[in-house]
């Protein structure tokens, strides 16, 4: 093998994906660890669709609006209490998951 093993950053640039995405799937794709860095042979990247054919890459653009577009802008100089922040966080978690967040405080 005369090819040099690619780093995560080099492979991400070659595939056109983010570093964090590639890092999350490094074991599935066949990366191996050399010291503290992760490497992969270039011939393993020649057919990137073979890794998960049941979930092909997205080709169309998403048309979803950003959720923060309708949010109120915070006024400068004001702060909210920890209780109010926790209540707002609980409301957001309930919207996303459909159930209330478990209490993490001890009594």
N, C-alpha and C. Protein backbone atom coordinates (compact mmCIF):
# COMPACT_ATOMS: atom_id res chain seq x y z
N UNK A 1 0.83 -1.17 0.00
CA UNK A 1 0.00 0.00 0.00
C UNK A 1 0.88 1.24 0.00
N UNK A 2 0.82 1.97 -1.06
CA UNK A 2 1.61 3.19 -1.15
C UNK A 2 0.78 4.41 -0.80
N UNK A 3 -0.54 4.27 -0.70
CA UNK A 3 -1.39 5.40 -0.35
C UNK A 3 -1.22 5.75 1.11
N UNK A 4 -1.40 7.03 1.39
CA UNK A 4 -1.35 7.52 2.76
C UNK A 4 -2.75 7.45 3.35
N UNK A 5 -2.85 7.00 4.57
CA UNK A 5 -4.15 6.96 5.24
C UNK A 5 -4.62 8.38 5.51
N UNK A 6 -5.89 8.64 5.25
CA UNK A 6 -6.46 9.97 5.41
C UNK A 6 -6.91 10.21 6.85
N UNK A 7 -6.84 11.45 7.28
CA UNK A 7 -7.36 11.82 8.59
C UNK A 7 -8.86 12.07 8.46
N UNK A 8 -9.52 12.28 9.59
CA UNK A 8 -10.95 12.58 9.57
C UNK A 8 -11.24 13.86 8.79
N UNK A 9 -10.42 14.90 8.99
CA UNK A 9 -10.64 16.17 8.30
C UNK A 9 -10.46 16.01 6.80
N UNK A 10 -9.44 15.28 6.38
CA UNK A 10 -9.21 15.07 4.96
C UNK A 10 -10.34 14.27 4.32
N UNK A 11 -10.80 13.24 5.02
CA UNK A 11 -11.89 12.42 4.50
C UNK A 11 -13.19 13.21 4.44
N UNK A 12 -13.44 14.06 5.43
CA UNK A 12 -14.66 14.88 5.43
C UNK A 12 -14.64 15.85 4.26
N UNK A 13 -13.50 16.44 3.98
CA UNK A 13 -13.39 17.35 2.83
C UNK A 13 -13.58 16.60 1.52
N UNK A 14 -13.04 15.41 1.43
CA UNK A 14 -13.15 14.60 0.22
C UNK A 14 -14.59 14.17 -0.04
N UNK A 15 -15.31 13.80 1.03
CA UNK A 15 -16.69 13.35 0.89
C UNK A 15 -17.70 14.49 0.86
N UNK A 16 -17.29 15.68 1.30
CA UNK A 16 -18.20 16.82 1.32
C UNK A 16 -19.18 16.77 2.47
N UNK A 17 -18.75 16.22 3.61
CA UNK A 17 -19.59 16.18 4.81
C UNK A 17 -18.85 16.88 5.93
N UNK A 18 -19.54 17.16 7.01
CA UNK A 18 -18.90 17.84 8.12
C UNK A 18 -18.03 16.87 8.92
N UNK A 19 -17.06 17.45 9.60
CA UNK A 19 -16.15 16.67 10.43
C UNK A 19 -16.92 15.93 11.53
N UNK A 20 -17.87 16.64 12.16
CA UNK A 20 -18.61 16.03 13.27
C UNK A 20 -19.47 14.86 12.82
N UNK A 21 -20.03 14.95 11.62
CA UNK A 21 -20.83 13.85 11.08
C UNK A 21 -19.95 12.63 10.84
N UNK A 22 -18.80 12.87 10.25
CA UNK A 22 -17.88 11.77 9.96
C UNK A 22 -17.34 11.16 11.25
N UNK A 23 -17.07 12.01 12.24
CA UNK A 23 -16.58 11.52 13.53
C UNK A 23 -17.62 10.62 14.20
N UNK A 24 -18.88 11.00 14.09
CA UNK A 24 -19.95 10.22 14.71
C UNK A 24 -20.08 8.83 14.07
N UNK A 25 -19.73 8.71 12.79
CA UNK A 25 -19.88 7.44 12.06
C UNK A 25 -18.54 6.80 11.71
N UNK A 26 -17.50 7.16 12.43
CA UNK A 26 -16.15 6.71 12.08
C UNK A 26 -15.99 5.20 12.16
N UNK A 27 -16.63 4.55 13.12
CA UNK A 27 -16.48 3.10 13.26
C UNK A 27 -17.25 2.35 12.18
N UNK A 28 -18.42 2.87 11.81
CA UNK A 28 -19.22 2.24 10.76
C UNK A 28 -18.49 2.28 9.41
N UNK A 29 -17.75 3.35 9.20
CA UNK A 29 -17.09 3.54 7.91
C UNK A 29 -15.76 2.83 7.81
N UNK A 30 -15.24 2.37 8.92
CA UNK A 30 -13.99 1.61 8.87
C UNK A 30 -12.75 2.39 9.26
N UNK A 31 -12.92 3.48 10.00
CA UNK A 31 -11.76 4.23 10.47
C UNK A 31 -11.03 3.41 11.53
N UNK A 32 -9.74 3.59 11.61
CA UNK A 32 -8.95 2.95 12.64
C UNK A 32 -8.12 4.01 13.34
N UNK A 33 -7.73 3.71 14.55
CA UNK A 33 -7.06 4.70 15.38
C UNK A 33 -5.55 4.47 15.37
N UNK A 34 -4.80 5.53 15.12
CA UNK A 34 -3.35 5.51 15.20
C UNK A 34 -2.97 6.55 16.24
N UNK A 35 -2.59 6.08 17.41
CA UNK A 35 -2.32 7.01 18.50
C UNK A 35 -3.61 7.68 18.91
N UNK A 36 -3.64 9.01 18.79
CA UNK A 36 -4.84 9.75 19.16
C UNK A 36 -5.66 10.16 17.94
N UNK A 37 -5.19 9.86 16.73
CA UNK A 37 -5.92 10.29 15.53
C UNK A 37 -6.58 9.11 14.84
N UNK A 38 -7.67 9.41 14.15
CA UNK A 38 -8.42 8.40 13.40
C UNK A 38 -8.03 8.49 11.94
N UNK A 39 -7.82 7.34 11.28
CA UNK A 39 -7.39 7.28 9.89
C UNK A 39 -8.26 6.29 9.12
N UNK A 40 -8.26 6.46 7.79
CA UNK A 40 -8.95 5.54 6.89
C UNK A 40 -8.17 5.49 5.58
N UNK A 41 -8.16 4.33 4.95
CA UNK A 41 -7.50 4.18 3.66
C UNK A 41 -8.38 4.78 2.58
N UNK A 42 -7.80 5.48 1.61
CA UNK A 42 -8.59 6.13 0.56
C UNK A 42 -9.46 5.17 -0.25
N UNK A 43 -9.02 3.93 -0.45
CA UNK A 43 -9.84 3.00 -1.23
C UNK A 43 -11.12 2.61 -0.52
N UNK A 44 -11.20 2.80 0.79
CA UNK A 44 -12.45 2.54 1.53
C UNK A 44 -13.50 3.60 1.25
N UNK A 45 -13.06 4.78 0.77
CA UNK A 45 -13.98 5.89 0.52
C UNK A 45 -14.45 5.98 -0.92
N UNK A 46 -14.01 5.07 -1.78
CA UNK A 46 -14.36 5.16 -3.19
C UNK A 46 -15.84 4.99 -3.45
N UNK A 47 -16.53 4.18 -2.64
CA UNK A 47 -17.96 3.99 -2.81
C UNK A 47 -18.66 4.30 -1.49
N UNK A 48 -18.90 5.59 -1.20
CA UNK A 48 -19.49 5.96 0.09
C UNK A 48 -20.92 5.51 0.26
N UNK A 49 -21.63 5.15 -0.81
CA UNK A 49 -23.03 4.74 -0.67
C UNK A 49 -23.16 3.33 -0.10
N UNK A 50 -22.09 2.57 -0.08
CA UNK A 50 -22.18 1.21 0.42
C UNK A 50 -22.33 1.14 1.94
N UNK A 51 -22.11 2.23 2.63
CA UNK A 51 -22.15 2.20 4.08
C UNK A 51 -23.55 2.04 4.63
N UNK A 52 -24.53 2.72 4.04
CA UNK A 52 -25.90 2.61 4.52
C UNK A 52 -26.86 2.81 3.35
N UNK A 53 -27.07 1.79 2.54
CA UNK A 53 -27.92 1.97 1.36
C UNK A 53 -29.40 2.17 1.70
N UNK A 54 -29.83 1.80 2.89
CA UNK A 54 -31.23 1.98 3.25
C UNK A 54 -31.54 3.44 3.57
N UNK A 55 -30.51 4.26 3.74
CA UNK A 55 -30.72 5.67 4.03
C UNK A 55 -29.83 6.50 3.10
N UNK A 56 -30.30 6.75 1.88
CA UNK A 56 -29.48 7.48 0.91
C UNK A 56 -29.29 8.93 1.32
N UNK A 57 -28.31 9.55 0.73
CA UNK A 57 -28.02 10.95 1.02
C UNK A 57 -29.18 11.83 0.53
N UNK A 58 -29.42 12.91 1.25
CA UNK A 58 -30.49 13.83 0.89
C UNK A 58 -30.03 14.67 -0.29
N UNK A 59 -30.86 14.78 -1.30
CA UNK A 59 -30.51 15.56 -2.48
C UNK A 59 -31.32 16.84 -2.58
N UNK A 60 -32.52 16.87 -2.03
CA UNK A 60 -33.35 18.07 -2.12
C UNK A 60 -33.11 18.96 -0.90
N UNK A 61 -33.36 20.23 -1.08
CA UNK A 61 -33.21 21.19 0.01
C UNK A 61 -34.43 21.14 0.91
N UNK A 62 -34.21 21.33 2.19
CA UNK A 62 -35.33 21.39 3.13
C UNK A 62 -35.94 22.78 3.09
N UNK A 63 -37.23 22.85 3.20
CA UNK A 63 -37.90 24.15 3.17
C UNK A 63 -38.48 24.51 4.54
N UNK A 64 -37.97 23.90 5.57
CA UNK A 64 -38.48 24.20 6.91
C UNK A 64 -37.98 25.57 7.35
N UNK A 65 -38.84 26.28 8.05
CA UNK A 65 -38.44 27.56 8.60
C UNK A 65 -37.69 27.34 9.91
N UNK A 66 -36.81 28.21 10.19
CA UNK A 66 -36.08 28.17 11.45
C UNK A 66 -37.07 28.43 12.58
N UNK A 67 -36.99 27.66 13.64
CA UNK A 67 -37.94 27.80 14.75
C UNK A 67 -37.76 29.11 15.49
N UNK A 68 -36.58 29.70 15.40
CA UNK A 68 -36.33 30.92 16.16
C UNK A 68 -36.83 32.17 15.44
N UNK A 69 -37.38 32.03 14.23
CA UNK A 69 -37.85 33.19 13.49
C UNK A 69 -38.98 33.88 14.24
N UNK A 70 -39.91 33.14 14.79
CA UNK A 70 -41.04 33.73 15.48
C UNK A 70 -40.79 34.03 16.95
N UNK A 71 -39.60 33.74 17.45
CA UNK A 71 -39.30 33.95 18.86
C UNK A 71 -39.14 35.44 19.16
N UNK A 72 -39.50 35.82 20.37
CA UNK A 72 -39.33 37.20 20.79
C UNK A 72 -37.86 37.48 21.02
N UNK A 73 -37.42 38.64 20.61
CA UNK A 73 -36.04 39.03 20.86
C UNK A 73 -35.92 39.47 22.31
N UNK A 74 -34.90 39.02 23.02
CA UNK A 74 -34.75 39.42 24.41
C UNK A 74 -34.39 40.90 24.50
N UNK A 75 -34.93 41.53 25.50
CA UNK A 75 -34.60 42.94 25.71
C UNK A 75 -33.28 43.01 26.44
N UNK A 76 -32.52 44.02 26.14
CA UNK A 76 -31.19 44.11 26.74
C UNK A 76 -31.29 44.54 28.20
N UNK A 77 -30.40 44.01 29.00
CA UNK A 77 -30.35 44.38 30.40
C UNK A 77 -31.28 43.61 31.30
N UNK A 78 -32.10 42.72 30.75
CA UNK A 78 -32.99 41.95 31.60
C UNK A 78 -32.49 40.52 31.68
N UNK A 79 -32.74 39.92 32.80
CA UNK A 79 -32.39 38.52 32.95
C UNK A 79 -33.58 37.79 33.56
N UNK A 80 -33.63 36.51 33.35
CA UNK A 80 -34.72 35.73 33.91
C UNK A 80 -34.18 34.88 35.05
N UNK A 81 -35.08 34.50 35.91
CA UNK A 81 -34.67 33.68 37.04
C UNK A 81 -34.42 32.25 36.60
N UNK A 82 -33.74 31.52 37.44
CA UNK A 82 -33.46 30.12 37.14
C UNK A 82 -34.77 29.33 37.06
N UNK A 83 -35.73 29.67 37.89
CA UNK A 83 -37.02 28.99 37.87
C UNK A 83 -37.75 29.24 36.56
N UNK A 84 -37.72 30.49 36.08
CA UNK A 84 -38.38 30.81 34.82
C UNK A 84 -37.67 30.12 33.66
N UNK A 85 -36.34 30.09 33.69
CA UNK A 85 -35.59 29.41 32.63
C UNK A 85 -35.92 27.92 32.61
N UNK A 86 -36.02 27.31 33.79
CA UNK A 86 -36.36 25.89 33.87
C UNK A 86 -37.77 25.64 33.34
N UNK A 87 -38.70 26.55 33.66
CA UNK A 87 -40.08 26.39 33.18
C UNK A 87 -40.14 26.50 31.66
N UNK A 88 -39.39 27.45 31.09
CA UNK A 88 -39.37 27.59 29.63
C UNK A 88 -38.73 26.37 28.98
N UNK A 89 -37.67 25.85 29.59
CA UNK A 89 -37.01 24.66 29.06
C UNK A 89 -37.95 23.46 29.11
N UNK A 90 -38.67 23.30 30.22
CA UNK A 90 -39.63 22.20 30.33
C UNK A 90 -40.70 22.30 29.25
N UNK A 91 -41.16 23.51 28.96
CA UNK A 91 -42.18 23.70 27.94
C UNK A 91 -41.64 23.29 26.57
N UNK A 92 -40.39 23.67 26.27
CA UNK A 92 -39.79 23.29 24.99
C UNK A 92 -39.61 21.78 24.87
N UNK A 93 -39.16 21.15 25.95
CA UNK A 93 -38.96 19.70 25.93
C UNK A 93 -40.29 19.00 25.71
N UNK A 94 -41.33 19.50 26.36
CA UNK A 94 -42.66 18.90 26.21
C UNK A 94 -43.17 19.05 24.78
N UNK A 95 -42.89 20.19 24.13
CA UNK A 95 -43.30 20.38 22.75
C UNK A 95 -42.58 19.40 21.83
N UNK A 96 -41.30 19.21 22.06
CA UNK A 96 -40.51 18.35 21.18
C UNK A 96 -40.79 16.87 21.38
N UNK A 97 -40.93 16.44 22.64
CA UNK A 97 -41.06 15.02 22.91
C UNK A 97 -42.50 14.57 23.16
N UNK A 98 -43.37 15.51 23.49
CA UNK A 98 -44.75 15.15 23.76
C UNK A 98 -44.98 14.68 25.19
N UNK A 99 -43.96 14.79 26.02
CA UNK A 99 -44.14 14.41 27.43
C UNK A 99 -43.32 15.34 28.31
N UNK A 100 -43.70 15.41 29.55
CA UNK A 100 -43.03 16.31 30.48
C UNK A 100 -41.67 15.77 30.88
N UNK A 101 -40.77 16.68 31.18
CA UNK A 101 -39.42 16.32 31.60
C UNK A 101 -39.46 15.86 33.04
N UNK A 102 -38.65 14.85 33.33
CA UNK A 102 -38.56 14.36 34.71
C UNK A 102 -37.80 15.37 35.55
N UNK A 103 -38.17 15.47 36.80
CA UNK A 103 -37.50 16.38 37.70
C UNK A 103 -36.10 15.88 38.00
N UNK A 104 -35.15 16.77 37.94
CA UNK A 104 -33.76 16.37 38.23
C UNK A 104 -33.29 16.88 39.57
N UNK A 105 -34.19 17.48 40.35
CA UNK A 105 -33.80 17.97 41.67
C UNK A 105 -34.04 16.89 42.71
N UNK A 106 -33.32 16.98 43.76
CA UNK A 106 -33.50 16.03 44.86
C UNK A 106 -34.27 16.71 45.97
N UNK A 107 -35.05 15.94 46.68
CA UNK A 107 -35.80 16.54 47.78
C UNK A 107 -35.37 15.97 49.10
